[in-house]
Protein backbone atom coordinates (compact mmCIF):
# COMPACT_ATOMS: atom_id res chain seq x y z
CA UNK A 1 153.24 225.03 30.84
CA UNK A 2 152.94 227.86 29.32
CA UNK A 3 151.80 230.79 31.50
CA UNK A 4 150.62 234.64 29.99
CA UNK A 5 151.84 237.32 32.24
CA UNK A 6 150.74 241.09 32.10
CA UNK A 7 153.31 243.54 33.17
CA UNK A 8 152.07 245.73 35.68
CA UNK A 9 151.97 249.33 34.65
CA UNK A 10 150.92 252.91 35.93
CA UNK A 11 149.76 255.89 34.60
CA UNK A 12 151.76 259.37 34.91
CA UNK A 13 151.55 262.61 33.19
CA UNK A 14 154.73 264.23 31.25
CA UNK A 15 155.03 267.41 29.37
CA UNK A 16 156.99 267.27 26.52
CA UNK A 17 157.68 270.37 23.76
CA UNK A 18 154.57 269.71 20.23
CA UNK A 19 157.50 269.11 18.14
CA UNK A 20 159.03 265.82 20.27
CA UNK A 21 155.92 264.44 20.31
CA UNK A 22 155.15 265.05 16.39
CA UNK A 23 158.43 263.07 15.71
CA UNK A 24 157.52 260.30 17.67
CA UNK A 25 154.08 260.01 16.68
CA UNK A 26 155.47 260.29 13.33
CA UNK A 27 158.21 258.05 14.01
CA UNK A 28 155.36 255.51 16.08
CA UNK A 29 153.46 255.25 13.21
CA UNK A 30 155.73 254.47 10.72
CA UNK A 31 157.25 251.64 12.70
CA UNK A 32 153.64 250.08 13.57
CA UNK A 33 153.36 250.63 17.22
CA UNK A 34 151.74 252.65 20.19
CA UNK A 35 152.81 256.17 20.48
CA UNK A 36 152.95 254.64 24.34
CA UNK A 37 155.56 251.45 23.34
CA UNK A 38 157.78 253.63 21.86
CA UNK A 39 158.22 256.18 24.49
CA UNK A 40 158.74 253.29 26.72
CA UNK A 41 161.29 251.93 24.63
CA UNK A 42 163.30 255.22 24.20
CA UNK A 43 163.01 255.40 28.39
CA UNK A 44 164.28 251.95 28.96
CA UNK A 45 167.18 252.55 26.05
CA UNK A 46 168.18 255.71 27.14
CA UNK A 47 167.80 254.20 31.12
CA UNK A 48 170.37 251.71 30.01
CA UNK A 49 173.14 253.36 27.99
CA UNK A 50 172.85 256.59 30.81
CA UNK A 51 176.77 257.56 30.96
CA UNK A 52 178.16 256.98 34.33
CA UNK A 53 178.93 260.18 36.10
CA UNK A 54 181.65 258.29 37.57
CA UNK A 55 184.55 258.94 34.76
């Protein structure tokens, strides 16, 4: 049976340089996604590809 699931979300405030926000906003517009969605994907990608400090 099909189940509609909703991922739990929370609101947080982060301070980012204006130049970075401008770049993110441009990419989000060009890709047709929300700025929030793009930032989430960028964070997930960075965490999944984080170098291991044990090397």
